[in-house]
């Protein structure tokens, strides 16, 4: 595996962790732990698959689910 591929993999995982932390923190604050955990791992997986193109919409969907009344 070359350096470019490793960099892409590590970069996508770091992006997923950062973007996934947003719904995780908001979910914990609002007391919706299940949505927080699912949102974190969904953002991590989607960032690994398509990067920010998919991770940001997934994050927004989970934020909407967490903050809806």
C-alpha atoms as a PDB file:
ATOM      1  CA  UNK A   1       0.000   0.000   0.000  1.00  0.00           C
ATOM      2  CA  UNK A   2       1.516   3.317  -1.004  1.00  0.00           C
ATOM      3  CA  UNK A   3       1.686   6.515   1.019  1.00  0.00           C
ATOM      4  CA  UNK A   4      -1.135   8.230  -0.882  1.00  0.00           C
ATOM      5  CA  UNK A   5      -3.598   5.439  -0.098  1.00  0.00           C
ATOM      6  CA  UNK A   6      -2.629   5.380   3.572  1.00  0.00           C
ATOM      7  CA  UNK A   7      -2.997   9.159   3.740  1.00  0.00           C
ATOM      8  CA  UNK A   8      -6.441   8.975   2.183  1.00  0.00           C
ATOM      9  CA  UNK A   9      -7.569   6.302   4.623  1.00  0.00           C
ATOM     10  CA  UNK A  10      -6.201   8.109   7.683  1.00  0.00           C
ATOM     11  CA  UNK A  11      -7.607  11.428   6.456  1.00  0.00           C
ATOM     12  CA  UNK A  12     -11.075  10.009   5.960  1.00  0.00           C
ATOM     13  CA  UNK A  13     -11.043   8.412   9.408  1.00  0.00           C
ATOM     14  CA  UNK A  14      -9.961  11.680  11.045  1.00  0.00           C
ATOM     15  CA  UNK A  15     -12.637  13.556   9.096  1.00  0.00           C
ATOM     16  CA  UNK A  16     -15.247  11.054  10.241  1.00  0.00           C
ATOM     17  CA  UNK A  17     -14.147  11.383  13.846  1.00  0.00           C
ATOM     18  CA  UNK A  18     -14.352  15.170  13.767  1.00  0.00           C
ATOM     19  CA  UNK A  19     -17.694  15.336  11.936  1.00  0.00           C
ATOM     20  CA  UNK A  20     -19.081  12.459  14.027  1.00  0.00           C
ATOM     21  CA  UNK A  21     -18.211  14.260  17.243  1.00  0.00           C
ATOM     22  CA  UNK A  22     -20.786  16.949  16.458  1.00  0.00           C
ATOM     23  CA  UNK A  23     -23.916  14.750  16.704  1.00  0.00           C
ATOM     24  CA  UNK A  24     -22.286  12.739  19.497  1.00  0.00           C
ATOM     25  CA  UNK A  25     -21.762  15.792  21.705  1.00  0.00           C
ATOM     26  CA  UNK A  26     -25.158  17.289  20.876  1.00  0.00           C
ATOM     27  CA  UNK A  27     -26.903  13.969  21.514  1.00  0.00           C
ATOM     28  CA  UNK A  28     -25.242  13.539  24.892  1.00  0.00           C
ATOM     29  CA  UNK A  29     -26.165  17.096  25.886  1.00  0.00           C
ATOM     30  CA  UNK A  30     -29.808  16.558  24.863  1.00  0.00           C
ATOM     31  CA  UNK A  31     -29.927  13.151  26.588  1.00  0.00           C
ATOM     32  CA  UNK A  32     -30.378  11.118  23.401  1.00  0.00           C
ATOM     33  CA  UNK A  33     -27.463   8.744  23.832  1.00  0.00           C
ATOM     34  CA  UNK A  34     -28.674   6.154  21.304  1.00  0.00           C
ATOM     35  CA  UNK A  35     -28.925   8.724  18.502  1.00  0.00           C
ATOM     36  CA  UNK A  36     -25.560  10.162  19.537  1.00  0.00           C
ATOM     37  CA  UNK A  37     -23.782   6.822  19.200  1.00  0.00           C
ATOM     38  CA  UNK A  38     -25.529   5.879  15.963  1.00  0.00           C
ATOM     39  CA  UNK A  39     -24.818   9.334  14.510  1.00  0.00           C
ATOM     40  CA  UNK A  40     -21.154   9.115  15.434  1.00  0.00           C
ATOM     41  CA  UNK A  41     -20.626   5.756  13.771  1.00  0.00           C
ATOM     42  CA  UNK A  42     -22.763   6.697  10.760  1.00  0.00           C
ATOM     43  CA  UNK A  43     -20.636   9.796  10.188  1.00  0.00           C
ATOM     44  CA  UNK A  44     -17.457   7.769  10.603  1.00  0.00           C
ATOM     45  CA  UNK A  45     -18.594   5.151   8.109  1.00  0.00           C
ATOM     46  CA  UNK A  46     -19.906   7.674   5.593  1.00  0.00           C
ATOM     47  CA  UNK A  47     -16.675   9.691   5.758  1.00  0.00           C
ATOM     48  CA  UNK A  48     -14.741   6.506   5.087  1.00  0.00           C
ATOM     49  CA  UNK A  49     -16.933   5.759   2.058  1.00  0.00           C
ATOM     50  CA  UNK A  50     -17.259   9.198   0.398  1.00  0.00           C
ATOM     51  CA  UNK A  51     -15.520  11.722   2.625  1.00  0.00           C
ATOM     52  CA  UNK A  52     -17.155  15.061   3.371  1.00  0.00           C
ATOM     53  CA  UNK A  53     -19.600  14.669   0.494  1.00  0.00           C
ATOM     54  CA  UNK A  54     -21.549  12.083   2.490  1.00  0.00           C
ATOM     55  CA  UNK A  55     -20.432  12.793   6.061  1.00  0.00           C
ATOM     56  CA  UNK A  56     -21.891  16.312   6.254  1.00  0.00           C
ATOM     57  CA  UNK A  57     -25.424  15.359   5.120  1.00  0.00           C
ATOM     58  CA  UNK A  58     -25.415  12.389   7.507  1.00  0.00           C
ATOM     59  CA  UNK A  59     -24.331  14.715  10.313  1.00  0.00           C
ATOM     60  CA  UNK A  60     -27.109  17.169   9.470  1.00  0.00           C
ATOM     61  CA  UNK A  61     -29.724  14.398   9.429  1.00  0.00           C
ATOM     62  CA  UNK A  62     -28.694  13.206  12.869  1.00  0.00           C
ATOM     63  CA  UNK A  63     -28.598  16.762  14.212  1.00  0.00           C
ATOM     64  CA  UNK A  64     -32.142  17.218  12.936  1.00  0.00           C
ATOM     65  CA  UNK A  65     -33.215  13.973  14.619  1.00  0.00           C
ATOM     66  CA  UNK A  66     -31.579  14.999  17.879  1.00  0.00           C
ATOM     67  CA  UNK A  67     -33.008  18.513  18.009  1.00  0.00           C
ATOM     68  CA  UNK A  68     -36.519  17.862  16.686  1.00  0.00           C
ATOM     69  CA  UNK A  69     -39.227  18.079  19.301  1.00  0.00           C
END
